[in-house]
């Protein structure tokens, strides 16, 4: 079977040089902008613990966000294929990064906490939308997520309670 290769390009422009540039650790800003084609620019910075702007996206934020996005997109795909009508999805994802004495560090874990809202208690094919079915969809989404498969730390998925969309009374 032929392998498909996908390429991704992002342009990064540092905007924090100020007047002094990197003359000292405190003389420069960490702000930068990420762009890719016609997509809206993404304002980036470093983690606020490393002199970054808390109102801009850090690489650490983006990594946790990428894992949450990837899981959601696979979950929605698999749910649609299984006939489960998902009408709402939220995630309160979090990541833990350990910094060592020398200043280097790494993520040790990311936890995804998806909350799903479905329409109806059966699939379009008549299968009951049981917790086991949704747990299987989350498990399969995790196995398929390109980003989760690419990292060297634990990514845990702990789904919350599923809610069923209330049908209006007729």
C-alpha atoms as a PDB file:
ATOM      1  CA  UNK A   1       0.000   0.000   0.000  1.00  0.00           C
ATOM      2  CA  UNK A   2       1.322   3.410  -0.925  1.00  0.00           C
ATOM      3  CA  UNK A   3       1.970   5.858   1.877  1.00  0.00           C
ATOM      4  CA  UNK A   4       0.439   9.288   1.676  1.00  0.00           C
ATOM      5  CA  UNK A   5       2.648  12.143   2.765  1.00  0.00           C
ATOM      6  CA  UNK A   6       1.146  15.438   3.870  1.00  0.00           C
ATOM      7  CA  UNK A   7       3.235  18.576   4.211  1.00  0.00           C
ATOM      8  CA  UNK A   8       2.475  21.514   6.495  1.00  0.00           C
ATOM      9  CA  UNK A   9       4.036  24.943   6.265  1.00  0.00           C
ATOM     10  CA  UNK A  10       3.942  27.701   8.855  1.00  0.00           C
ATOM     11  CA  UNK A  11       5.746  31.014   8.666  1.00  0.00           C
ATOM     12  CA  UNK A  12       7.019  32.469  11.933  1.00  0.00           C
ATOM     13  CA  UNK A  13       8.003  36.134  12.318  1.00  0.00           C
ATOM     14  CA  UNK A  14       9.547  37.336  15.569  1.00  0.00           C
ATOM     15  CA  UNK A  15       8.099  40.725  16.529  1.00  0.00           C
ATOM     16  CA  UNK A  16       9.752  41.218  19.919  1.00  0.00           C
ATOM     17  CA  UNK A  17      13.186  42.622  19.031  1.00  0.00           C
ATOM     18  CA  UNK A  18      12.438  46.141  20.286  1.00  0.00           C
ATOM     19  CA  UNK A  19      15.391  48.548  20.222  1.00  0.00           C
ATOM     20  CA  UNK A  20      17.966  46.334  21.960  1.00  0.00           C
ATOM     21  CA  UNK A  21      17.251  42.913  20.464  1.00  0.00           C
ATOM     22  CA  UNK A  22      18.777  40.113  22.494  1.00  0.00           C
ATOM     23  CA  UNK A  23      21.395  42.256  24.217  1.00  0.00           C
ATOM     24  CA  UNK A  24      20.216  40.738  27.511  1.00  0.00           C
ATOM     25  CA  UNK A  25      17.705  38.107  28.605  1.00  0.00           C
ATOM     26  CA  UNK A  26      15.247  40.827  29.628  1.00  0.00           C
ATOM     27  CA  UNK A  27      15.808  43.229  26.710  1.00  0.00           C
ATOM     28  CA  UNK A  28      13.712  41.400  24.126  1.00  0.00           C
ATOM     29  CA  UNK A  29      10.092  40.364  23.815  1.00  0.00           C
ATOM     30  CA  UNK A  30       8.983  36.826  23.126  1.00  0.00           C
ATOM     31  CA  UNK A  31       6.119  37.888  20.848  1.00  0.00           C
ATOM     32  CA  UNK A  32       5.908  36.440  17.383  1.00  0.00           C
ATOM     33  CA  UNK A  33       3.277  35.759  14.739  1.00  0.00           C
ATOM     34  CA  UNK A  34       2.491  32.479  13.024  1.00  0.00           C
ATOM     35  CA  UNK A  35       0.913  32.540   9.571  1.00  0.00           C
ATOM     36  CA  UNK A  36      -0.009  29.928   7.023  1.00  0.00           C
ATOM     37  CA  UNK A  37      -1.544  30.858   3.710  1.00  0.00           C
ATOM     38  CA  UNK A  38      -4.800  32.790   4.007  1.00  0.00           C
ATOM     39  CA  UNK A  39      -5.460  31.665   7.604  1.00  0.00           C
ATOM     40  CA  UNK A  40      -5.758  34.380  10.264  1.00  0.00           C
ATOM     41  CA  UNK A  41      -2.444  35.222  11.948  1.00  0.00           C
ATOM     42  CA  UNK A  42      -1.887  33.519  15.294  1.00  0.00           C
ATOM     43  CA  UNK A  43      -0.231  35.701  17.954  1.00  0.00           C
ATOM     44  CA  UNK A  44       2.448  33.669  19.714  1.00  0.00           C
ATOM     45  CA  UNK A  45       4.744  34.138  22.695  1.00  0.00           C
ATOM     46  CA  UNK A  46       6.568  32.066  25.290  1.00  0.00           C
ATOM     47  CA  UNK A  47       4.996  30.660  28.428  1.00  0.00           C
ATOM     48  CA  UNK A  48       4.381  33.529  30.897  1.00  0.00           C
ATOM     49  CA  UNK A  49       6.876  31.859  33.274  1.00  0.00           C
ATOM     50  CA  UNK A  50       9.523  32.622  30.633  1.00  0.00           C
ATOM     51  CA  UNK A  51       8.599  36.292  30.112  1.00  0.00           C
ATOM     52  CA  UNK A  52       5.768  35.633  27.654  1.00  0.00           C
ATOM     53  CA  UNK A  53       2.541  37.570  27.222  1.00  0.00           C
ATOM     54  CA  UNK A  54      -0.322  35.662  28.895  1.00  0.00           C
ATOM     55  CA  UNK A  55      -2.729  37.023  26.260  1.00  0.00           C
ATOM     56  CA  UNK A  56      -0.938  35.255  23.389  1.00  0.00           C
ATOM     57  CA  UNK A  57      -0.598  31.568  22.480  1.00  0.00           C
ATOM     58  CA  UNK A  58       2.505  29.715  23.704  1.00  0.00           C
ATOM     59  CA  UNK A  59       3.917  26.565  22.074  1.00  0.00           C
ATOM     60  CA  UNK A  60       2.750  24.660  25.155  1.00  0.00           C
ATOM     61  CA  UNK A  61      -0.822  25.953  24.741  1.00  0.00           C
ATOM     62  CA  UNK A  62      -0.749  24.995  21.086  1.00  0.00           C
ATOM     63  CA  UNK A  63       0.503  21.469  21.805  1.00  0.00           C
ATOM     64  CA  UNK A  64      -2.296  20.793  24.305  1.00  0.00           C
ATOM     65  CA  UNK A  65      -4.781  22.385  21.903  1.00  0.00           C
ATOM     66  CA  UNK A  66      -3.549  20.300  18.976  1.00  0.00           C
ATOM     67  CA  UNK A  67      -4.072  17.097  20.960  1.00  0.00           C
ATOM     68  CA  UNK A  68      -7.604  18.170  21.950  1.00  0.00           C
ATOM     69  CA  UNK A  69      -8.464  19.203  18.381  1.00  0.00           C
ATOM     70  CA  UNK A  70      -7.112  16.012  16.867  1.00  0.00           C
ATOM     71  CA  UNK A  71      -9.059  13.807  19.284  1.00  0.00           C
ATOM     72  CA  UNK A  72     -12.280  15.748  18.678  1.00  0.00           C
ATOM     73  CA  UNK A  73     -11.971  15.591  14.900  1.00  0.00           C
ATOM     74  CA  UNK A  74     -11.399  11.836  14.931  1.00  0.00           C
ATOM     75  CA  UNK A  75     -14.212  11.320  17.460  1.00  0.00           C
ATOM     76  CA  UNK A  76     -16.666  13.278  15.288  1.00  0.00           C
ATOM     77  CA  UNK A  77     -15.610  11.327  12.193  1.00  0.00           C
ATOM     78  CA  UNK A  78     -16.022   7.972  13.924  1.00  0.00           C
ATOM     79  CA  UNK A  79     -19.325   9.017  15.521  1.00  0.00           C
ATOM     80  CA  UNK A  80     -20.739  10.027  12.126  1.00  0.00           C
ATOM     81  CA  UNK A  81     -19.603   6.717  10.629  1.00  0.00           C
ATOM     82  CA  UNK A  82     -21.315   4.838  13.503  1.00  0.00           C
ATOM     83  CA  UNK A  83     -24.567   6.807  13.115  1.00  0.00           C
ATOM     84  CA  UNK A  84     -24.174   8.667  16.413  1.00  0.00           C
ATOM     85  CA  UNK A  85     -25.439  12.230  16.011  1.00  0.00           C
ATOM     86  CA  UNK A  86     -23.156  14.487  18.044  1.00  0.00           C
ATOM     87  CA  UNK A  87     -24.551  18.018  18.489  1.00  0.00           C
ATOM     88  CA  UNK A  88     -22.129  19.380  21.084  1.00  0.00           C
ATOM     89  CA  UNK A  89     -18.520  18.786  22.099  1.00  0.00           C
ATOM     90  CA  UNK A  90     -16.305  20.547  24.629  1.00  0.00           C
ATOM     91  CA  UNK A  91     -12.964  19.646  26.150  1.00  0.00           C
ATOM     92  CA  UNK A  92     -11.147  21.031  29.182  1.00  0.00           C
ATOM     93  CA  UNK A  93      -7.722  19.694  28.188  1.00  0.00           C
ATOM     94  CA  UNK A  94      -4.662  20.239  30.386  1.00  0.00           C
ATOM     95  CA  UNK A  95      -0.988  19.419  30.155  1.00  0.00           C
ATOM     96  CA  UNK A  96       1.792  18.957  32.676  1.00  0.00           C
ATOM     97  CA  UNK A  97       5.346  19.964  31.844  1.00  0.00           C
ATOM     98  CA  UNK A  98       8.319  19.250  34.094  1.00  0.00           C
ATOM     99  CA  UNK A  99      11.217  21.705  34.102  1.00  0.00           C
ATOM    100  CA  UNK A 100      14.541  20.340  35.317  1.00  0.00           C
ATOM    101  CA  UNK A 101      17.270  22.152  37.259  1.00  0.00           C
ATOM    102  CA  UNK A 102      19.273  22.882  34.097  1.00  0.00           C
ATOM    103  CA  UNK A 103      16.231  24.623  32.571  1.00  0.00           C
ATOM    104  CA  UNK A 104      15.342  21.959  30.025  1.00  0.00           C
ATOM    105  CA  UNK A 105      12.111  20.071  30.349  1.00  0.00           C
ATOM    106  CA  UNK A 106       9.379  18.063  28.705  1.00  0.00           C
ATOM    107  CA  UNK A 107       5.694  17.319  28.871  1.00  0.00           C
ATOM    108  CA  UNK A 108       4.910  14.382  31.125  1.00  0.00           C
ATOM    109  CA  UNK A 109       1.192  14.107  30.408  1.00  0.00           C
ATOM    110  CA  UNK A 110      -1.796  15.676  28.697  1.00  0.00           C
ATOM    111  CA  UNK A 111      -5.316  14.883  29.881  1.00  0.00           C
ATOM    112  CA  UNK A 112      -8.279  15.339  27.564  1.00  0.00           C
ATOM    113  CA  UNK A 113     -11.703  15.679  29.202  1.00  0.00           C
ATOM    114  CA  UNK A 114     -14.222  15.620  26.360  1.00  0.00           C
ATOM    115  CA  UNK A 115     -17.880  16.280  27.109  1.00  0.00           C
ATOM    116  CA  UNK A 116     -20.220  15.127  24.371  1.00  0.00           C
ATOM    117  CA  UNK A 117     -23.835  15.976  23.671  1.00  0.00           C
ATOM    118  CA  UNK A 118     -25.751  13.587  21.412  1.00  0.00           C
ATOM    119  CA  UNK A 119     -29.122  13.777  19.723  1.00  0.00           C
ATOM    120  CA  UNK A 120     -31.287  10.812  20.634  1.00  0.00           C
ATOM    121  CA  UNK A 121     -30.581   7.611  22.519  1.00  0.00           C
ATOM    122  CA  UNK A 122     -30.163   5.407  19.446  1.00  0.00           C
ATOM    123  CA  UNK A 123     -28.064   5.654  16.311  1.00  0.00           C
ATOM    124  CA  UNK A 124     -29.689   6.181  12.952  1.00  0.00           C
ATOM    125  CA  UNK A 125     -29.329   2.401  12.517  1.00  0.00           C
ATOM    126  CA  UNK A 126     -31.149   1.628  15.774  1.00  0.00           C
ATOM    127  CA  UNK A 127     -28.136   0.840  17.993  1.00  0.00           C
ATOM    128  CA  UNK A 128     -28.428   2.145  21.539  1.00  0.00           C
ATOM    129  CA  UNK A 129     -26.011   5.022  22.194  1.00  0.00           C
ATOM    130  CA  UNK A 130     -24.678   3.374  25.328  1.00  0.00           C
ATOM    131  CA  UNK A 131     -21.688   4.595  27.350  1.00  0.00           C
ATOM    132  CA  UNK A 132     -19.725   1.598  26.032  1.00  0.00           C
ATOM    133  CA  UNK A 133     -20.277   2.705  22.432  1.00  0.00           C
ATOM    134  CA  UNK A 134     -19.072   6.231  23.166  1.00  0.00           C
ATOM    135  CA  UNK A 135     -16.108   4.905  25.173  1.00  0.00           C
ATOM    136  CA  UNK A 136     -15.170   2.772  22.157  1.00  0.00           C
ATOM    137  CA  UNK A 137     -15.410   5.808  19.871  1.00  0.00           C
ATOM    138  CA  UNK A 138     -13.109   7.764  22.218  1.00  0.00           C
ATOM    139  CA  UNK A 139     -10.673   4.823  22.355  1.00  0.00           C
ATOM    140  CA  UNK A 140     -10.598   4.518  18.564  1.00  0.00           C
ATOM    141  CA  UNK A 141     -10.264   8.305  18.153  1.00  0.00           C
ATOM    142  CA  UNK A 142      -7.244   8.228  20.464  1.00  0.00           C
ATOM    143  CA  UNK A 143      -5.688   5.373  18.473  1.00  0.00           C
ATOM    144  CA  UNK A 144      -6.149   7.318  15.223  1.00  0.00           C
ATOM    145  CA  UNK A 145      -5.089  10.787  16.376  1.00  0.00           C
ATOM    146  CA  UNK A 146      -1.970  11.713  14.408  1.00  0.00           C
ATOM    147  CA  UNK A 147      -0.762  14.112  17.079  1.00  0.00           C
ATOM    148  CA  UNK A 148      -1.215  11.711  20.027  1.00  0.00           C
ATOM    149  CA  UNK A 149       0.607   9.023  18.039  1.00  0.00           C
ATOM    150  CA  UNK A 150       3.530  11.424  17.512  1.00  0.00           C
ATOM    151  CA  UNK A 151       4.310  12.457  21.081  1.00  0.00           C
ATOM    152  CA  UNK A 152       6.481  10.605  23.602  1.00  0.00           C
ATOM    153  CA  UNK A 153       4.387  11.279  26.708  1.00  0.00           C
ATOM    154  CA  UNK A 154       1.082   9.940  28.008  1.00  0.00           C
ATOM    155  CA  UNK A 155      -2.129  11.346  26.576  1.00  0.00           C
ATOM    156  CA  UNK A 156      -5.074  10.283  28.746  1.00  0.00           C
ATOM    157  CA  UNK A 157      -8.675  10.581  27.631  1.00  0.00           C
ATOM    158  CA  UNK A 158     -11.180  10.807  30.504  1.00  0.00           C
ATOM    159  CA  UNK A 159     -14.585  11.515  28.967  1.00  0.00           C
ATOM    160  CA  UNK A 160     -17.201  13.258  31.065  1.00  0.00           C
ATOM    161  CA  UNK A 161     -20.859  12.404  31.297  1.00  0.00           C
ATOM    162  CA  UNK A 162     -22.720  12.338  27.999  1.00  0.00           C
ATOM    163  CA  UNK A 163     -25.779  14.518  27.723  1.00  0.00           C
ATOM    164  CA  UNK A 164     -28.695  13.894  25.405  1.00  0.00           C
ATOM    165  CA  UNK A 165     -30.145  16.882  23.588  1.00  0.00           C
ATOM    166  CA  UNK A 166     -33.648  17.542  24.826  1.00  0.00           C
ATOM    167  CA  UNK A 167     -36.230  17.230  22.076  1.00  0.00           C
ATOM    168  CA  UNK A 168     -38.840  19.984  22.118  1.00  0.00           C
ATOM    169  CA  UNK A 169     -42.291  18.836  23.239  1.00  0.00           C
ATOM    170  CA  UNK A 170     -44.811  18.607  20.434  1.00  0.00           C
END
